[in-house]
Each structure stands twice: as C-alpha cells, then as structure tokens.
Protein backbone atom coordinates (compact mmCIF):
# COMPACT_ATOMS: atom_id res chain seq x y z
CA MET A 1 0.88 -25.78 -16.84
CA GLY A 2 2.19 -24.69 -13.42
CA HIS A 3 5.88 -24.63 -12.63
CA ALA A 4 5.91 -23.27 -9.08
CA ARG A 5 7.67 -26.36 -7.68
CA ASP A 6 9.98 -27.01 -10.68
CA SER A 7 13.58 -26.56 -9.57
CA ARG A 8 14.61 -25.51 -13.05
CA TYR A 9 12.76 -22.26 -12.50
CA ALA A 10 13.90 -21.49 -8.95
CA ALA A 11 15.51 -18.24 -7.90
CA ARG A 12 19.29 -18.44 -8.11
CA SER A 13 19.50 -16.54 -4.80
CA GLN A 14 17.46 -14.15 -2.71
CA ASP A 15 18.77 -11.36 -4.94
CA ASP A 16 16.45 -12.46 -7.72
CA VAL A 17 13.46 -12.12 -5.44
CA LEU A 18 14.53 -8.71 -4.18
CA ARG A 19 15.17 -7.53 -7.74
CA LEU A 20 11.71 -8.71 -8.79
CA LEU A 21 10.03 -6.87 -5.93
CA ALA A 22 12.01 -3.70 -6.59
CA ALA A 23 11.14 -3.79 -10.27
CA GLN A 24 7.47 -4.67 -9.66
CA PRO A 25 6.48 -3.33 -6.23
CA PHE A 26 2.77 -3.17 -7.01
CA ALA A 27 1.38 -6.45 -5.74
CA TRP A 28 -1.81 -8.15 -4.50
CA LEU A 29 -2.20 -8.62 -0.77
CA VAL A 30 -4.64 -11.46 -0.23
CA SER A 31 -6.38 -12.66 2.93
CA ALA A 32 -8.28 -15.77 1.85
CA GLY A 33 -11.12 -17.63 3.56
CA GLY A 34 -14.01 -16.54 5.76
CA ASP A 35 -16.77 -14.01 5.30
CA ASP A 36 -14.24 -11.15 5.54
CA ALA A 37 -11.87 -12.46 2.88
CA ALA A 38 -10.12 -9.51 1.23
CA SER A 39 -7.63 -8.67 -1.51
CA THR A 40 -5.99 -5.31 -2.15
CA PRO A 41 -3.56 -4.12 -4.85
CA LEU A 42 -0.83 -2.03 -3.21
CA PRO A 43 2.87 -1.21 -3.38
CA LEU A 44 5.15 -3.24 -1.12
CA ARG A 45 8.77 -2.76 -0.08
CA ALA A 46 11.35 -5.26 1.08
CA GLU A 47 12.76 -5.00 4.56
CA CYS A 48 16.12 -6.72 5.10
CA ASP A 49 18.05 -7.28 8.30
CA ALA A 50 21.63 -6.25 9.03
CA ASN A 51 22.85 -9.33 7.14
CA GLY A 52 20.83 -8.47 4.04
CA GLN A 53 18.26 -11.22 4.56
CA LEU A 54 14.64 -10.52 3.69
CA VAL A 55 12.60 -10.42 6.87
CA ALA A 56 9.42 -8.48 6.04
CA LEU A 57 7.36 -6.62 3.48
CA ARG A 58 6.11 -3.13 4.27
CA GLY A 59 3.26 -1.13 2.81
CA HIS A 60 0.15 0.89 3.56
CA LEU A 61 -3.62 0.68 3.18
CA ALA A 62 -6.48 3.14 3.38
CA ARG A 63 -8.04 2.87 6.85
CA ARG A 64 -11.49 2.68 5.30
CA ASN A 65 -10.44 -0.48 3.42
CA PRO A 66 -12.20 -3.48 5.00
CA HIS A 67 -8.93 -5.36 4.56
CA VAL A 68 -7.52 -3.47 7.55
CA ALA A 69 -10.12 -5.00 9.90
CA ARG A 70 -9.44 -8.45 8.45
CA LEU A 71 -5.70 -8.08 9.09
CA GLN A 72 -6.34 -6.90 12.62
CA ARG A 73 -8.44 -10.03 13.20
CA ASP A 74 -6.14 -12.40 11.35
CA GLY A 75 -2.73 -11.26 10.11
CA ARG A 76 -2.03 -14.31 7.96
CA ALA A 77 -1.91 -13.15 4.34
CA GLN A 78 -0.12 -13.64 1.04
CA ALA A 79 1.52 -11.09 -1.20
CA LEU A 80 1.39 -12.03 -4.90
CA VAL A 81 3.94 -10.40 -7.20
CA MET A 82 3.76 -10.77 -10.99
CA GLY A 83 6.83 -9.57 -12.85
CA PRO A 84 7.43 -9.36 -16.58
CA HIS A 85 5.60 -12.03 -18.55
CA ALA A 86 4.66 -12.78 -22.16
CA TYR A 87 3.25 -15.40 -24.50
CA VAL A 88 6.01 -17.33 -26.27
CA SER A 89 4.96 -18.18 -29.81
CA PRO A 90 6.23 -21.16 -31.86
CA SER A 91 5.82 -18.92 -34.92
CA TRP A 92 9.23 -17.46 -34.06
CA LEU A 93 10.95 -20.84 -34.34
CA ASP A 94 12.26 -22.79 -37.30
CA ASP A 95 11.10 -25.90 -35.41
CA ARG A 96 7.34 -25.50 -35.63
CA THR A 97 6.69 -28.73 -33.76
CA GLN A 98 7.35 -26.82 -30.51
CA ALA A 99 4.37 -25.98 -28.27
CA PRO A 100 3.49 -22.42 -27.25
CA SER A 101 4.38 -21.37 -23.74
CA TRP A 102 4.41 -18.42 -21.36
CA ASN A 103 7.57 -17.03 -19.76
CA TYR A 104 7.35 -15.09 -16.54
CA ALA A 105 8.77 -14.11 -13.19
CA ALA A 106 6.52 -14.30 -10.15
CA ALA A 107 6.68 -14.70 -6.38
CA VAL A 108 4.35 -15.54 -3.48
CA PHE A 109 5.17 -14.32 0.01
CA ASP A 110 3.45 -15.92 3.03
CA LEU A 111 3.13 -13.19 5.66
CA ASP A 112 2.15 -12.48 9.23
CA VAL A 113 0.90 -8.90 8.99
CA ALA A 114 0.64 -6.31 11.73
CA VAL A 115 -1.19 -3.05 11.04
CA SER A 116 -0.39 0.31 12.69
CA GLU A 117 -2.19 3.63 12.74
CA GLU A 118 0.56 5.34 14.77
CA ALA A 119 1.49 8.62 13.10
CA GLN A 120 5.23 7.88 13.15
CA ASP A 121 4.75 4.48 11.52
CA VAL A 122 2.56 5.88 8.75
CA ARG A 123 5.00 8.74 8.15
CA ALA A 124 7.98 6.41 8.02
CA GLU A 125 6.30 4.08 5.51
CA LEU A 126 5.04 6.80 3.19
CA ASP A 127 8.39 8.58 3.24
CA ALA A 128 10.31 5.39 2.52
CA LEU A 129 8.00 4.46 -0.37
CA VAL A 130 8.20 7.94 -1.89
CA SER A 131 12.01 7.95 -1.52
CA GLN A 132 12.21 4.56 -3.27
CA MET A 133 9.93 5.49 -6.14
CA GLU A 134 11.33 8.99 -6.68
CA ALA A 135 15.00 7.94 -6.60
CA GLY A 136 16.85 8.99 -9.76
CA ARG A 137 14.12 11.28 -11.10
CA ALA A 138 15.32 14.60 -12.52
CA ARG A 139 12.94 16.62 -10.30
CA ALA A 140 12.46 14.07 -7.53
CA TRP A 141 9.53 14.85 -5.26
CA ALA A 142 9.65 14.56 -1.44
CA LEU A 143 6.86 14.01 1.06
CA ASP A 144 7.63 17.30 2.89
CA GLU A 145 6.50 19.18 -0.21
CA MET A 146 2.89 18.39 0.65
CA GLY A 147 3.04 20.78 3.58
CA GLU A 148 -0.14 20.88 5.63
CA ARG A 149 -1.93 18.60 3.18
CA TYR A 150 0.11 15.67 4.51
CA ALA A 151 -1.59 15.67 7.91
CA ARG A 152 -5.02 15.37 6.30
CA LEU A 153 -3.86 12.55 4.06
CA ALA A 154 -2.11 10.59 6.82
CA THR A 155 -5.23 10.32 9.01
CA GLY A 156 -6.72 8.01 6.40
CA VAL A 157 -3.73 5.68 6.14
CA SER A 158 -2.63 2.56 8.02
CA SER A 159 0.86 1.17 7.67
CA LEU A 160 1.56 -2.54 7.57
CA ARG A 161 4.50 -4.84 8.20
CA GLY A 162 4.31 -8.44 7.04
CA VAL A 163 6.89 -10.78 8.53
CA VAL A 164 7.92 -13.18 5.77
CA ARG A 165 7.24 -16.81 6.70
CA GLU A 166 7.97 -18.36 3.28
CA VAL A 167 8.79 -17.29 -0.26
CA ARG A 168 7.90 -19.30 -3.34
CA ALA A 169 9.30 -17.79 -6.51
CA THR A 170 9.17 -18.94 -10.13
CA PHE A 171 11.46 -17.61 -12.86
CA LYS A 172 10.42 -19.43 -16.03
CA LEU A 173 12.77 -17.74 -18.44
CA GLY A 174 13.67 -20.20 -21.14
CA GLN A 175 16.04 -22.37 -19.07
CA ASP A 176 14.81 -25.51 -20.85
CA GLU A 177 15.19 -24.18 -24.39
CA ALA A 178 17.90 -25.34 -26.83
CA PRO A 179 20.41 -22.52 -27.56
CA PHE A 180 19.27 -21.96 -31.14
CA ASP A 181 15.59 -21.91 -30.14
CA PHE A 182 16.36 -19.63 -27.23
CA ALA A 183 18.01 -17.12 -29.56
CA GLN A 184 15.01 -17.14 -31.88
CA LEU A 185 12.64 -16.67 -28.96
CA LEU A 186 14.61 -13.66 -27.78
CA LEU A 187 14.30 -12.09 -31.22
CA GLY A 188 10.57 -12.74 -31.29
CA LEU A 189 10.00 -11.26 -27.85
CA GLN A 190 12.10 -8.22 -28.71
CA ALA A 191 10.03 -7.66 -31.84
CA ASP A 192 6.91 -7.78 -29.66
CA GLY A 193 8.37 -5.12 -27.36
CA GLU A 194 8.85 -7.45 -24.37
CA HIS A 195 12.17 -5.88 -23.44
CA ALA A 196 11.90 -6.33 -19.65
CA LEU A 197 11.27 -10.05 -20.06
CA VAL A 198 14.14 -10.37 -22.55
CA ASP A 199 16.47 -8.71 -20.05
CA TRP A 200 15.50 -11.24 -17.39
CA MET A 201 15.95 -14.13 -19.83
CA ARG A 202 19.39 -12.93 -20.89
CA ASP A 203 20.44 -12.49 -17.26
CA PHE A 204 19.37 -16.02 -16.29
CA ALA A 205 20.94 -17.47 -19.42
CA GLY A 206 24.34 -15.87 -18.74
CA GLU A 207 26.90 -16.87 -21.36
CA ARG A 208 24.32 -19.02 -23.14
CA ALA A 209 22.59 -15.82 -24.30
C-alpha cells in the first residue's frame, strides 16, 4: 500500500530530507513522457541558500547520454531517492495476527533542470561531489590528483542544476506500531542486518525507542 500522502509518515523538517539525500545521494533522474523519455541513475547533491533552505539539486551526466538532449528540450524532471528499506516480518512478533509490511525512507523532487557544458560549471560540480564523497576518508582523494587526465574526462561531462519545485517525502518507520511491537521489530531488523533502517526508526521514535 502507498503512504506518500499519509501525514503520519511526513518529514519532521527539511533536515530529514537533507539527511536522506546525503546518506543516499545516488538517485534516479526521470524525464517522463514523449518519444525521448529518459531515466538516468546518478549522484545528486543538495544546494541550500543562505538561510539553509533547499533550493536545487546538482549533479552531472555524460554528454553522450540522450537524457542531456531531453533536458535541453524540456527541463521538467523528477529525482527519485530511495533510502534504507526492508521487509518487516510478523514472524518477529508475539502477536502473529499482524500483517507484514515494508519500512522505508524515500523522497521525490520535482525539478526544473538546466544543463551546462561550460568548463567552470563542470569543474565546480565534479570537485564538489568528490569533496563530499571523500570527506572523512583516511587517504581522501582530490580531483587535482588526476592531473592532465581530468581535461580529457571533463570534455565528456555536462553539469546540471535542478531548481526544486516540490518535495514529497515518506518516512514510514514504525510510527504506527505499539511500543512492545516496535521493540520486537527493531530486534528482528537488527538480526537481519538492517542497521541503517533501525537507526532511522530509532531516531524518529525518540524516547519511545
């Protein structure tokens, strides 16, 4: 069953959406409809304004990707982000009359996308993405280490900026479970190795967890 419009599963604030995108930056960019409909999996970054409000998503595509031409013709697109998710089994519960379910965190971003092949835009996007993904690594890599190879790579890349028109996020994380059932579900998910989902469930549950 879908829960996208169920207020029980809404983001508590924009911070939940930003956290989801930071934890799961690899998304689907989808341009639906028409003979040139296109979908591309790609990493996306959040761009916030001076007040910390999400204003755009940034990323890059291979120039040979037909999706680039579609976006140049029609910039309307959606970014689909699927965070941690898992099957929730009634086998973990003492109350075996409960139905199975699926817990998850996900978001849809409606975008107006502009594509650029300007060298400075491509460089800025690739450098920002690398900096984000390499942060905290023991031997963090930097774009400059590519040397002359970078110029050859960059000629095949287009950067993109998608102005965010609307965000629809769903965080179905056990909010409607009774406390005892919730605790048993956490144990079952932990035993299955679904630690990222358990962390999200605990965070949303607060003191109830």
